[in-house]
Amino acid sequence: MNVLSRPKFANKLALRGDNVRETVDGYAALTEVVIVTEIEPIVVEDPDDDACAIAAEVSYIISGDRDLLNLLTHGSIQIVTAAQFIAIRRESFGVEK
């Protein structure tokens, strides 16, 4: 919630008629809790993100963080922007823009 509460995100949510709490609650309904064990971080500046992704065995990390995006991949995990992920999902479902 801390990140979404930042003015640049909260203002965008407000323009859509959403608020931080509703957005977080909506995404929380789609999540699975993963217990993270000690994992050597791949991004020293922000080790929590990659440790969670590795522990959860995800296919994608969706981020705006340049440190992560510059890596492109970690093992079998693709590191993409939100726009890239939407394009990937549309393509996989055969949906045009």
C-alpha atoms as a PDB file:
ATOM      1  CA  MET A   1       0.000   0.000   0.000  1.00  0.00           C
ATOM      2  CA  ASN A   2       2.904   2.327   0.607  1.00  0.00           C
ATOM      3  CA  VAL A   3       3.825   2.497  -3.066  1.00  0.00           C
ATOM      4  CA  LEU A   4       0.236   2.953  -4.292  1.00  0.00           C
ATOM      5  CA  SER A   5      -0.255   5.707  -1.714  1.00  0.00           C
ATOM      6  CA  ARG A   6       2.432   7.805  -3.378  1.00  0.00           C
ATOM      7  CA  PRO A   7       0.832  10.805  -5.116  1.00  0.00           C
ATOM      8  CA  LYS A   8       1.801   9.716  -8.640  1.00  0.00           C
ATOM      9  CA  PHE A   9      -0.114   6.430  -8.213  1.00  0.00           C
ATOM     10  CA  ALA A  10      -2.924   7.588  -5.920  1.00  0.00           C
ATOM     11  CA  ASN A  11      -3.780  10.405  -8.335  1.00  0.00           C
ATOM     12  CA  LYS A  12      -4.000   7.971 -11.261  1.00  0.00           C
ATOM     13  CA  LEU A  13      -6.263   5.680  -9.252  1.00  0.00           C
ATOM     14  CA  ALA A  14      -8.465   8.632  -8.303  1.00  0.00           C
ATOM     15  CA  LEU A  15      -8.821   9.625 -11.973  1.00  0.00           C
ATOM     16  CA  ARG A  16     -10.234   6.143 -12.598  1.00  0.00           C
ATOM     17  CA  GLY A  17     -12.579   6.419  -9.627  1.00  0.00           C
ATOM     18  CA  ASP A  18     -10.536   3.917  -7.611  1.00  0.00           C
ATOM     19  CA  ASN A  19      -8.727   4.243  -4.324  1.00  0.00           C
ATOM     20  CA  VAL A  20      -5.686   2.545  -2.853  1.00  0.00           C
ATOM     21  CA  ARG A  21      -7.564   0.304  -0.385  1.00  0.00           C
ATOM     22  CA  GLU A  22     -10.000  -1.047  -3.015  1.00  0.00           C
ATOM     23  CA  THR A  23      -7.166  -1.669  -5.452  1.00  0.00           C
ATOM     24  CA  VAL A  24      -5.078  -3.521  -2.884  1.00  0.00           C
ATOM     25  CA  ASP A  25      -8.086  -5.556  -1.724  1.00  0.00           C
ATOM     26  CA  GLY A  26      -8.899  -6.473  -5.334  1.00  0.00           C
ATOM     27  CA  TYR A  27      -5.405  -7.722  -6.011  1.00  0.00           C
ATOM     28  CA  ALA A  28      -5.200  -9.454  -2.629  1.00  0.00           C
ATOM     29  CA  ALA A  29      -8.137 -11.633  -3.664  1.00  0.00           C
ATOM     30  CA  LEU A  30      -5.995 -12.922  -6.553  1.00  0.00           C
ATOM     31  CA  THR A  31      -2.846 -13.641  -4.570  1.00  0.00           C
ATOM     32  CA  GLU A  32      -1.303 -16.623  -2.885  1.00  0.00           C
ATOM     33  CA  VAL A  33       0.797 -16.239   0.244  1.00  0.00           C
ATOM     34  CA  VAL A  34       4.330 -17.556  -0.174  1.00  0.00           C
ATOM     35  CA  ILE A  35       6.750 -18.111   2.694  1.00  0.00           C
ATOM     36  CA  VAL A  36      10.150 -16.841   1.583  1.00  0.00           C
ATOM     37  CA  THR A  37      13.257 -18.588   2.794  1.00  0.00           C
ATOM     38  CA  GLU A  38      16.730 -17.123   2.551  1.00  0.00           C
ATOM     39  CA  ILE A  39      17.563 -16.634  -1.124  1.00  0.00           C
ATOM     40  CA  GLU A  40      20.592 -14.834  -2.491  1.00  0.00           C
ATOM     41  CA  PRO A  41      19.196 -11.615  -4.018  1.00  0.00           C
ATOM     42  CA  ILE A  42      19.843 -10.823  -7.660  1.00  0.00           C
ATOM     43  CA  VAL A  43      19.134  -7.111  -7.243  1.00  0.00           C
ATOM     44  CA  VAL A  44      21.112  -5.923  -4.250  1.00  0.00           C
ATOM     45  CA  GLU A  45      19.286  -2.573  -4.130  1.00  0.00           C
ATOM     46  CA  ASP A  46      15.863  -4.238  -3.674  1.00  0.00           C
ATOM     47  CA  PRO A  47      16.264  -7.880  -2.636  1.00  0.00           C
ATOM     48  CA  ASP A  48      12.674  -8.483  -1.474  1.00  0.00           C
ATOM     49  CA  ASP A  49      11.168  -8.398  -4.981  1.00  0.00           C
ATOM     50  CA  ASP A  50      13.310 -11.068  -6.544  1.00  0.00           C
ATOM     51  CA  ALA A  51      13.320 -13.305  -3.466  1.00  0.00           C
ATOM     52  CA  CYS A  52       9.515 -13.424  -3.491  1.00  0.00           C
ATOM     53  CA  ALA A  53       9.401 -14.129  -7.219  1.00  0.00           C
ATOM     54  CA  ILE A  54      11.880 -16.978  -6.922  1.00  0.00           C
ATOM     55  CA  ALA A  55      10.119 -18.508  -3.925  1.00  0.00           C
ATOM     56  CA  ALA A  56       6.736 -18.293  -5.652  1.00  0.00           C
ATOM     57  CA  GLU A  57       8.148 -19.849  -8.843  1.00  0.00           C
ATOM     58  CA  VAL A  58       6.542 -17.168 -10.994  1.00  0.00           C
ATOM     59  CA  SER A  59       6.854 -16.840 -14.754  1.00  0.00           C
ATOM     60  CA  TYR A  60       7.018 -13.039 -14.749  1.00  0.00           C
ATOM     61  CA  ILE A  61       8.120 -10.152 -12.595  1.00  0.00           C
ATOM     62  CA  ILE A  62       6.093  -7.096 -13.601  1.00  0.00           C
ATOM     63  CA  SER A  63       7.940  -3.970 -12.616  1.00  0.00           C
ATOM     64  CA  GLY A  64       8.766  -0.378 -13.379  1.00  0.00           C
ATOM     65  CA  ASP A  65      12.053  -0.749 -11.508  1.00  0.00           C
ATOM     66  CA  ARG A  66      14.909  -0.101 -13.941  1.00  0.00           C
ATOM     67  CA  ASP A  67      17.325  -2.277 -11.924  1.00  0.00           C
ATOM     68  CA  LEU A  68      15.082  -5.276 -12.504  1.00  0.00           C
ATOM     69  CA  LEU A  69      14.036  -4.411 -16.061  1.00  0.00           C
ATOM     70  CA  ASN A  70      17.659  -4.110 -17.159  1.00  0.00           C
ATOM     71  CA  LEU A  71      18.173  -7.772 -16.228  1.00  0.00           C
ATOM     72  CA  LEU A  72      15.426  -8.906 -18.685  1.00  0.00           C
ATOM     73  CA  THR A  73      15.338 -12.386 -17.114  1.00  0.00           C
ATOM     74  CA  HIS A  74      16.470 -14.314 -14.088  1.00  0.00           C
ATOM     75  CA  GLY A  75      16.593 -18.009 -14.737  1.00  0.00           C
ATOM     76  CA  SER A  76      13.249 -18.800 -16.338  1.00  0.00           C
ATOM     77  CA  ILE A  77      11.571 -15.647 -14.949  1.00  0.00           C
ATOM     78  CA  GLN A  78      10.917 -12.901 -17.501  1.00  0.00           C
ATOM     79  CA  ILE A  79      11.163  -9.344 -16.157  1.00  0.00           C
ATOM     80  CA  VAL A  80       8.756  -7.022 -17.992  1.00  0.00           C
ATOM     81  CA  THR A  81       6.832  -3.775 -17.671  1.00  0.00           C
ATOM     82  CA  ALA A  82       3.082  -3.774 -17.133  1.00  0.00           C
ATOM     83  CA  ALA A  83       2.551  -2.778 -20.771  1.00  0.00           C
ATOM     84  CA  GLN A  84       4.759  -5.637 -21.976  1.00  0.00           C
ATOM     85  CA  PHE A  85       2.898  -8.111 -19.771  1.00  0.00           C
ATOM     86  CA  ILE A  86      -0.495  -6.977 -21.080  1.00  0.00           C
ATOM     87  CA  ALA A  87       0.756  -7.393 -24.655  1.00  0.00           C
ATOM     88  CA  ILE A  88       2.084 -10.886 -23.841  1.00  0.00           C
ATOM     89  CA  ARG A  89      -1.232 -11.923 -22.269  1.00  0.00           C
ATOM     90  CA  ARG A  90      -3.267 -10.497 -25.145  1.00  0.00           C
ATOM     91  CA  GLU A  91      -1.135 -12.403 -27.601  1.00  0.00           C
ATOM     92  CA  SER A  92      -1.466 -15.652 -25.640  1.00  0.00           C
ATOM     93  CA  PHE A  93      -5.264 -15.287 -25.669  1.00  0.00           C
ATOM     94  CA  GLY A  94      -5.358 -14.162 -29.304  1.00  0.00           C
ATOM     95  CA  VAL A  95      -6.786 -10.759 -28.357  1.00  0.00           C
ATOM     96  CA  GLU A  96      -6.033  -7.756 -30.559  1.00  0.00           C
ATOM     97  CA  LYS A  97      -5.352  -4.321 -29.070  1.00  0.00           C
END
